[in-house]
Amino acid sequence: MSDPAAARRLAWLSLYATAMGLLEAIVVVYLRELYYPGGFRFPIVIIPDRMAAIEIAREAATLLMLLAVAILAGRDRHDRFFVFALLFGVWDIVYYGGLLVLLGWPESLLTWDLLFLIPLPWIGPVVAPLAVSVVLIGGFVTHESLRRRGLELRLGRREWGAACCGALIVIVALCWNWRAVAEQTIPASFPYAIFCLGLAVGIAPFVRAALRADRAPRAEVSN
């Protein structure tokens, strides 16, 4: 039987992330009207240092807002991680959906985008951040599904270490072409092999933990 409290929590978290994604898309519409009136494309237009600093501050504030809600809504530290994963995933997907509706962009999943600026410019095809977002949402769904059955998706230290290594590899892939921003060039190619390796390394510990939890005895649920 579904838990009404859990359903309400999921609805409000999803609504919050959706609003964040739409707000992000609207801000980017303003930025592109200023710096890309003919449409966003590479090579990147170098914005003034003051505006770049403001944009970096906005990105940091966005992450802090997602983290704050995850900390407040999470039941424990593991749950907070998965709530953050849900928020980040929904936010990012809605962001691209908002840009598609408002600007008709991206033209395809392989369209290049400037994803992030901290600590270096992250550059990749739109499919890359969307793939990460789907994985993050899938992690939350698996976590919640196990909890409803009285089970826990918990990783050991080594598993967390492996997951962090996978995340780092993904970040390396996304920062691979960072010079294209500074040099105002068009990225030659995206390192899909490195990116997919990072995803696989990052996902594997969670799959292992989920299978281990599924084989464990169910916790007693009081009526």
C-alpha atoms as a PDB file:
ATOM      1  CA  MET A   1       0.000   0.000   0.000  1.00  0.00           C
ATOM      2  CA  SER A   2       1.333   3.411  -0.873  1.00  0.00           C
ATOM      3  CA  ASP A   3       2.364   5.805   1.901  1.00  0.00           C
ATOM      4  CA  PRO A   4       0.397   9.095   1.668  1.00  0.00           C
ATOM      5  CA  ALA A   5       3.149  11.004   3.492  1.00  0.00           C
ATOM      6  CA  ALA A   6       5.800   9.672   1.094  1.00  0.00           C
ATOM      7  CA  ALA A   7       3.596  10.538  -1.877  1.00  0.00           C
ATOM      8  CA  ARG A   8       3.127  14.104  -0.608  1.00  0.00           C
ATOM      9  CA  ARG A   9       6.848  14.447  -0.028  1.00  0.00           C
ATOM     10  CA  LEU A  10       7.614  13.231  -3.547  1.00  0.00           C
ATOM     11  CA  ALA A  11       5.034  15.594  -5.035  1.00  0.00           C
ATOM     12  CA  TRP A  12       6.412  18.646  -3.225  1.00  0.00           C
ATOM     13  CA  LEU A  13      10.024  17.760  -3.978  1.00  0.00           C
ATOM     14  CA  SER A  14       9.197  17.266  -7.651  1.00  0.00           C
ATOM     15  CA  LEU A  15       7.238  20.526  -7.740  1.00  0.00           C
ATOM     16  CA  TYR A  16      10.126  22.412  -6.156  1.00  0.00           C
ATOM     17  CA  ALA A  17      12.675  20.944  -8.597  1.00  0.00           C
ATOM     18  CA  THR A  18      10.337  21.687 -11.512  1.00  0.00           C
ATOM     19  CA  ALA A  19      10.014  25.320 -10.429  1.00  0.00           C
ATOM     20  CA  MET A  20      13.790  25.550 -10.070  1.00  0.00           C
ATOM     21  CA  GLY A  21      14.280  24.120 -13.550  1.00  0.00           C
ATOM     22  CA  LEU A  22      11.808  26.572 -15.101  1.00  0.00           C
ATOM     23  CA  LEU A  23      13.433  29.484 -13.266  1.00  0.00           C
ATOM     24  CA  GLU A  24      16.845  28.394 -14.535  1.00  0.00           C
ATOM     25  CA  ALA A  25      15.536  28.185 -18.095  1.00  0.00           C
ATOM     26  CA  ILE A  26      14.005  31.670 -17.859  1.00  0.00           C
ATOM     27  CA  VAL A  27      17.288  33.150 -16.594  1.00  0.00           C
ATOM     28  CA  VAL A  28      19.151  31.522 -19.498  1.00  0.00           C
ATOM     29  CA  VAL A  29      16.591  32.957 -21.938  1.00  0.00           C
ATOM     30  CA  TYR A  30      17.501  36.434 -20.640  1.00  0.00           C
ATOM     31  CA  LEU A  31      21.235  35.704 -20.927  1.00  0.00           C
ATOM     32  CA  ARG A  32      20.906  34.441 -24.485  1.00  0.00           C
ATOM     33  CA  GLU A  33      18.876  37.481 -25.497  1.00  0.00           C
ATOM     34  CA  LEU A  34      21.802  39.610 -24.297  1.00  0.00           C
ATOM     35  CA  TYR A  35      24.751  37.607 -25.589  1.00  0.00           C
ATOM     36  CA  TYR A  36      23.322  35.317 -28.292  1.00  0.00           C
ATOM     37  CA  PRO A  37      20.526  37.240 -30.029  1.00  0.00           C
ATOM     38  CA  GLY A  38      21.074  35.112 -33.133  1.00  0.00           C
ATOM     39  CA  GLY A  39      20.875  31.830 -31.223  1.00  0.00           C
ATOM     40  CA  PHE A  40      23.248  29.988 -28.880  1.00  0.00           C
ATOM     41  CA  ARG A  41      26.152  28.197 -30.528  1.00  0.00           C
ATOM     42  CA  PHE A  42      29.870  27.609 -30.282  1.00  0.00           C
ATOM     43  CA  PRO A  43      32.325  29.325 -30.310  1.00  0.00           C
ATOM     44  CA  ILE A  44      31.271  30.753 -26.961  1.00  0.00           C
ATOM     45  CA  VAL A  45      30.939  34.518 -26.558  1.00  0.00           C
ATOM     46  CA  ILE A  46      33.258  35.634 -23.758  1.00  0.00           C
ATOM     47  CA  ILE A  47      31.190  37.638 -21.297  1.00  0.00           C
ATOM     48  CA  PRO A  48      32.692  40.380 -19.081  1.00  0.00           C
ATOM     49  CA  ASP A  49      34.511  39.179 -15.946  1.00  0.00           C
ATOM     50  CA  ARG A  50      31.904  40.799 -13.700  1.00  0.00           C
ATOM     51  CA  MET A  51      29.080  38.927 -15.426  1.00  0.00           C
ATOM     52  CA  ALA A  52      31.062  35.681 -15.340  1.00  0.00           C
ATOM     53  CA  ALA A  53      31.510  36.060 -11.571  1.00  0.00           C
ATOM     54  CA  ILE A  54      27.785  36.695 -11.168  1.00  0.00           C
ATOM     55  CA  GLU A  55      26.972  33.608 -13.238  1.00  0.00           C
ATOM     56  CA  ILE A  56      29.305  31.457 -11.131  1.00  0.00           C
ATOM     57  CA  ALA A  57      27.645  32.808  -7.970  1.00  0.00           C
ATOM     58  CA  ARG A  58      24.223  31.959  -9.429  1.00  0.00           C
ATOM     59  CA  GLU A  59      25.303  28.390 -10.156  1.00  0.00           C
ATOM     60  CA  ALA A  60      26.703  27.982  -6.638  1.00  0.00           C
ATOM     61  CA  ALA A  61      23.491  29.410  -5.141  1.00  0.00           C
ATOM     62  CA  THR A  62      21.384  26.988  -7.196  1.00  0.00           C
ATOM     63  CA  LEU A  63      23.328  23.993  -5.891  1.00  0.00           C
ATOM     64  CA  LEU A  64      23.066  25.331  -2.342  1.00  0.00           C
ATOM     65  CA  MET A  65      19.285  25.681  -2.684  1.00  0.00           C
ATOM     66  CA  LEU A  66      18.953  22.083  -3.893  1.00  0.00           C
ATOM     67  CA  LEU A  67      21.232  20.860  -1.108  1.00  0.00           C
ATOM     68  CA  ALA A  68      19.350  22.815   1.583  1.00  0.00           C
ATOM     69  CA  VAL A  69      16.003  21.302   0.585  1.00  0.00           C
ATOM     70  CA  ALA A  70      17.550  17.820   0.462  1.00  0.00           C
ATOM     71  CA  ILE A  71      18.923  18.251   3.979  1.00  0.00           C
ATOM     72  CA  LEU A  72      15.562  19.479   5.281  1.00  0.00           C
ATOM     73  CA  ALA A  73      13.484  16.812   3.521  1.00  0.00           C
ATOM     74  CA  GLY A  74      15.798  13.834   4.044  1.00  0.00           C
ATOM     75  CA  ARG A  75      15.052  11.316   6.769  1.00  0.00           C
ATOM     76  CA  ASP A  76      18.739  10.479   7.310  1.00  0.00           C
ATOM     77  CA  ARG A  77      22.055  11.055   5.563  1.00  0.00           C
ATOM     78  CA  HIS A  78      21.467   8.319   2.986  1.00  0.00           C
ATOM     79  CA  ASP A  79      17.985   9.607   2.254  1.00  0.00           C
ATOM     80  CA  ARG A  80      19.325  13.159   1.912  1.00  0.00           C
ATOM     81  CA  PHE A  81      21.722  11.991  -0.788  1.00  0.00           C
ATOM     82  CA  PHE A  82      18.940  10.373  -2.797  1.00  0.00           C
ATOM     83  CA  VAL A  83      16.622  13.353  -2.315  1.00  0.00           C
ATOM     84  CA  PHE A  84      19.373  15.601  -3.682  1.00  0.00           C
ATOM     85  CA  ALA A  85      19.748  13.197  -6.607  1.00  0.00           C
ATOM     86  CA  LEU A  86      16.014  13.481  -7.343  1.00  0.00           C
ATOM     87  CA  LEU A  87      16.045  17.269  -7.100  1.00  0.00           C
ATOM     88  CA  PHE A  88      19.096  17.617  -9.315  1.00  0.00           C
ATOM     89  CA  GLY A  89      17.770  15.199 -11.916  1.00  0.00           C
ATOM     90  CA  VAL A  90      14.299  16.741 -12.182  1.00  0.00           C
ATOM     91  CA  TRP A  91      15.737  20.272 -12.154  1.00  0.00           C
ATOM     92  CA  ASP A  92      18.096  19.532 -15.038  1.00  0.00           C
ATOM     93  CA  ILE A  93      15.539  17.722 -17.188  1.00  0.00           C
ATOM     94  CA  VAL A  94      12.932  20.451 -16.678  1.00  0.00           C
ATOM     95  CA  TYR A  95      15.592  23.067 -17.468  1.00  0.00           C
ATOM     96  CA  TYR A  96      16.228  21.593 -20.910  1.00  0.00           C
ATOM     97  CA  GLY A  97      12.523  21.037 -21.447  1.00  0.00           C
ATOM     98  CA  GLY A  98      11.935  24.697 -20.615  1.00  0.00           C
ATOM     99  CA  LEU A  99      14.563  25.840 -23.103  1.00  0.00           C
ATOM    100  CA  LEU A 100      13.028  23.606 -25.758  1.00  0.00           C
ATOM    101  CA  VAL A 101       9.600  25.174 -25.228  1.00  0.00           C
ATOM    102  CA  LEU A 102      10.805  28.767 -24.848  1.00  0.00           C
ATOM    103  CA  LEU A 103      13.582  28.854 -27.442  1.00  0.00           C
ATOM    104  CA  GLY A 104      13.186  25.747 -29.570  1.00  0.00           C
ATOM    105  CA  TRP A 105      16.651  24.741 -28.356  1.00  0.00           C
ATOM    106  CA  PRO A 106      18.428  22.298 -28.296  1.00  0.00           C
ATOM    107  CA  GLU A 107      18.001  21.153 -31.864  1.00  0.00           C
ATOM    108  CA  SER A 108      18.941  17.593 -30.883  1.00  0.00           C
ATOM    109  CA  LEU A 109      20.347  15.591 -27.994  1.00  0.00           C
ATOM    110  CA  LEU A 110      23.783  15.925 -29.594  1.00  0.00           C
ATOM    111  CA  THR A 111      23.738  19.733 -29.521  1.00  0.00           C
ATOM    112  CA  TRP A 112      26.739  21.123 -27.633  1.00  0.00           C
ATOM    113  CA  ASP A 113      26.085  23.094 -24.462  1.00  0.00           C
ATOM    114  CA  LEU A 114      28.072  24.968 -21.842  1.00  0.00           C
ATOM    115  CA  LEU A 115      26.877  23.062 -18.796  1.00  0.00           C
ATOM    116  CA  PHE A 116      28.653  24.523 -15.793  1.00  0.00           C
ATOM    117  CA  LEU A 117      31.501  26.860 -14.850  1.00  0.00           C
ATOM    118  CA  ILE A 118      32.759  25.480 -11.509  1.00  0.00           C
ATOM    119  CA  PRO A 119      35.732  24.953 -11.260  1.00  0.00           C
ATOM    120  CA  LEU A 120      36.287  24.807 -15.046  1.00  0.00           C
ATOM    121  CA  PRO A 121      33.826  25.101 -17.912  1.00  0.00           C
ATOM    122  CA  TRP A 122      31.867  21.863 -18.390  1.00  0.00           C
ATOM    123  CA  ILE A 123      31.072  21.239 -22.052  1.00  0.00           C
ATOM    124  CA  GLY A 124      29.171  18.392 -23.649  1.00  0.00           C
ATOM    125  CA  PRO A 125      26.251  17.325 -25.782  1.00  0.00           C
ATOM    126  CA  VAL A 126      22.864  17.762 -24.123  1.00  0.00           C
ATOM    127  CA  VAL A 127      22.474  13.984 -23.918  1.00  0.00           C
ATOM    128  CA  ALA A 128      25.301  13.818 -21.346  1.00  0.00           C
ATOM    129  CA  PRO A 129      23.680  15.813 -18.508  1.00  0.00           C
ATOM    130  CA  LEU A 130      20.309  14.253 -19.317  1.00  0.00           C
ATOM    131  CA  ALA A 131      21.833  10.772 -18.973  1.00  0.00           C
ATOM    132  CA  VAL A 132      23.274  11.731 -15.583  1.00  0.00           C
ATOM    133  CA  SER A 133      19.884  13.113 -14.521  1.00  0.00           C
ATOM    134  CA  VAL A 134      18.077   9.908 -15.502  1.00  0.00           C
ATOM    135  CA  VAL A 135      20.602   7.883 -13.494  1.00  0.00           C
ATOM    136  CA  LEU A 136      20.136  10.130 -10.452  1.00  0.00           C
ATOM    137  CA  ILE A 137      16.352   9.879 -10.578  1.00  0.00           C
ATOM    138  CA  GLY A 138      16.651   6.114 -11.034  1.00  0.00           C
ATOM    139  CA  GLY A 139      18.739   5.968  -7.866  1.00  0.00           C
ATOM    140  CA  PHE A 140      16.061   7.797  -5.898  1.00  0.00           C
ATOM    141  CA  VAL A 141      13.295   5.573  -7.284  1.00  0.00           C
ATOM    142  CA  THR A 142      15.255   2.438  -6.332  1.00  0.00           C
ATOM    143  CA  HIS A 143      15.938   3.830  -2.863  1.00  0.00           C
ATOM    144  CA  GLU A 144      12.277   4.660  -2.251  1.00  0.00           C
ATOM    145  CA  SER A 145      11.079   1.341  -3.661  1.00  0.00           C
ATOM    146  CA  LEU A 146      13.316  -0.571  -1.277  1.00  0.00           C
ATOM    147  CA  ARG A 147      12.244   1.552   1.689  1.00  0.00           C
ATOM    148  CA  ARG A 148       8.587   0.864   1.019  1.00  0.00           C
ATOM    149  CA  ARG A 149       9.428  -2.822   1.353  1.00  0.00           C
ATOM    150  CA  GLY A 150      11.258  -2.277   4.635  1.00  0.00           C
ATOM    151  CA  LEU A 151      14.713  -2.493   3.031  1.00  0.00           C
ATOM    152  CA  GLU A 152      17.650  -0.078   2.886  1.00  0.00           C
ATOM    153  CA  LEU A 153      19.937   0.900   0.016  1.00  0.00           C
ATOM    154  CA  ARG A 154      23.158   1.482   1.934  1.00  0.00           C
ATOM    155  CA  LEU A 155      26.694   1.638   0.599  1.00  0.00           C
ATOM    156  CA  GLY A 156      29.879   0.807   2.480  1.00  0.00           C
ATOM    157  CA  ARG A 157      32.896   3.103   2.516  1.00  0.00           C
ATOM    158  CA  ARG A 158      34.582   1.337  -0.381  1.00  0.00           C
ATOM    159  CA  GLU A 159      31.384   1.485  -2.390  1.00  0.00           C
ATOM    160  CA  TRP A 160      31.020   5.208  -1.724  1.00  0.00           C
ATOM    161  CA  GLY A 161      34.648   5.602  -2.752  1.00  0.00           C
ATOM    162  CA  ALA A 162      33.985   3.794  -6.032  1.00  0.00           C
ATOM    163  CA  ALA A 163      30.872   5.900  -6.657  1.00  0.00           C
ATOM    164  CA  CYS A 164      32.857   9.098  -6.064  1.00  0.00           C
ATOM    165  CA  CYS A 165      35.546   7.869  -8.466  1.00  0.00           C
ATOM    166  CA  GLY A 166      32.863   7.312 -11.088  1.00  0.00           C
ATOM    167  CA  ALA A 167      31.485  10.810 -10.534  1.00  0.00           C
ATOM    168  CA  LEU A 168      34.990  12.253 -10.854  1.00  0.00           C
ATOM    169  CA  ILE A 169      35.516  10.425 -14.166  1.00  0.00           C
ATOM    170  CA  VAL A 170      32.234  11.840 -15.464  1.00  0.00           C
ATOM    171  CA  ILE A 171      33.332  15.347 -14.459  1.00  0.00           C
ATOM    172  CA  VAL A 172      36.675  14.832 -16.216  1.00  0.00           C
ATOM    173  CA  ALA A 173      34.796  13.882 -19.396  1.00  0.00           C
ATOM    174  CA  LEU A 174      32.572  16.962 -19.133  1.00  0.00           C
ATOM    175  CA  CYS A 175      35.584  19.229 -18.554  1.00  0.00           C
ATOM    176  CA  TRP A 176      37.598  17.566 -21.336  1.00  0.00           C
ATOM    177  CA  ASN A 177      36.955  20.392 -23.810  1.00  0.00           C
ATOM    178  CA  TRP A 178      37.123  23.294 -21.356  1.00  0.00           C
ATOM    179  CA  ARG A 179      39.725  25.094 -23.470  1.00  0.00           C
ATOM    180  CA  ALA A 180      37.113  25.581 -26.167  1.00  0.00           C
ATOM    181  CA  VAL A 181      35.630  28.342 -24.005  1.00  0.00           C
ATOM    182  CA  ALA A 182      38.881  30.169 -23.302  1.00  0.00           C
ATOM    183  CA  GLU A 183      40.122  29.796 -26.879  1.00  0.00           C
ATOM    184  CA  GLN A 184      36.675  30.483 -28.416  1.00  0.00           C
ATOM    185  CA  THR A 185      36.747  27.395 -30.603  1.00  0.00           C
ATOM    186  CA  ILE A 186      34.244  24.659 -31.466  1.00  0.00           C
ATOM    187  CA  PRO A 187      34.776  21.431 -29.474  1.00  0.00           C
ATOM    188  CA  ALA A 188      36.200  18.708 -31.706  1.00  0.00           C
ATOM    189  CA  SER A 189      34.615  15.684 -30.072  1.00  0.00           C
ATOM    190  CA  PHE A 190      33.176  14.487 -26.789  1.00  0.00           C
ATOM    191  CA  PRO A 191      34.973  11.674 -24.887  1.00  0.00           C
ATOM    192  CA  TYR A 192      31.986   9.311 -24.799  1.00  0.00           C
ATOM    193  CA  ALA A 193      34.153   6.351 -23.749  1.00  0.00           C
ATOM    194  CA  ILE A 194      35.407   8.171 -20.644  1.00  0.00           C
ATOM    195  CA  PHE A 195      31.928   9.477 -19.865  1.00  0.00           C
ATOM    196  CA  CYS A 196      30.314   6.029 -20.140  1.00  0.00           C
ATOM    197  CA  LEU A 197      33.113   4.504 -18.072  1.00  0.00           C
ATOM    198  CA  GLY A 198      32.446   7.055 -15.340  1.00  0.00           C
ATOM    199  CA  LEU A 199      28.729   6.328 -15.379  1.00  0.00           C
ATOM    200  CA  ALA A 200      29.367   2.580 -15.172  1.00  0.00           C
ATOM    201  CA  VAL A 201      31.857   2.924 -12.312  1.00  0.00           C
ATOM    202  CA  GLY A 202      29.517   5.269 -10.464  1.00  0.00           C
ATOM    203  CA  ILE A 203      26.393   3.163 -10.933  1.00  0.00           C
ATOM    204  CA  ALA A 204      27.940  -0.235 -10.132  1.00  0.00           C
ATOM    205  CA  PRO A 205      28.167   0.253  -6.307  1.00  0.00           C
ATOM    206  CA  PHE A 206      24.516   1.280  -6.135  1.00  0.00           C
ATOM    207  CA  VAL A 207      23.424  -1.720  -8.206  1.00  0.00           C
ATOM    208  CA  ARG A 208      25.447  -3.980  -5.932  1.00  0.00           C
ATOM    209  CA  ALA A 209      23.955  -2.394  -2.803  1.00  0.00           C
ATOM    210  CA  ALA A 210      20.426  -2.666  -4.225  1.00  0.00           C
ATOM    211  CA  LEU A 211      20.874  -6.358  -5.019  1.00  0.00           C
ATOM    212  CA  ARG A 212      22.331  -6.962  -1.558  1.00  0.00           C
ATOM    213  CA  ALA A 213      19.393  -5.176   0.073  1.00  0.00           C
ATOM    214  CA  ASP A 214      16.909  -7.117  -2.025  1.00  0.00           C
ATOM    215  CA  ARG A 215      18.360 -10.406  -0.783  1.00  0.00           C
ATOM    216  CA  ALA A 216      18.363  -9.280   2.862  1.00  0.00           C
ATOM    217  CA  PRO A 217      15.511 -10.156   5.255  1.00  0.00           C
ATOM    218  CA  ARG A 218      12.819  -7.510   5.311  1.00  0.00           C
ATOM    219  CA  ALA A 219      12.621  -5.254   8.337  1.00  0.00           C
ATOM    220  CA  GLU A 220       9.623  -5.734  10.590  1.00  0.00           C
ATOM    221  CA  VAL A 221       6.972  -3.136   9.821  1.00  0.00           C
ATOM    222  CA  SER A 222       4.781  -2.175  12.746  1.00  0.00           C
ATOM    223  CA  ASN A 223       1.076  -1.705  12.136  1.00  0.00           C
END
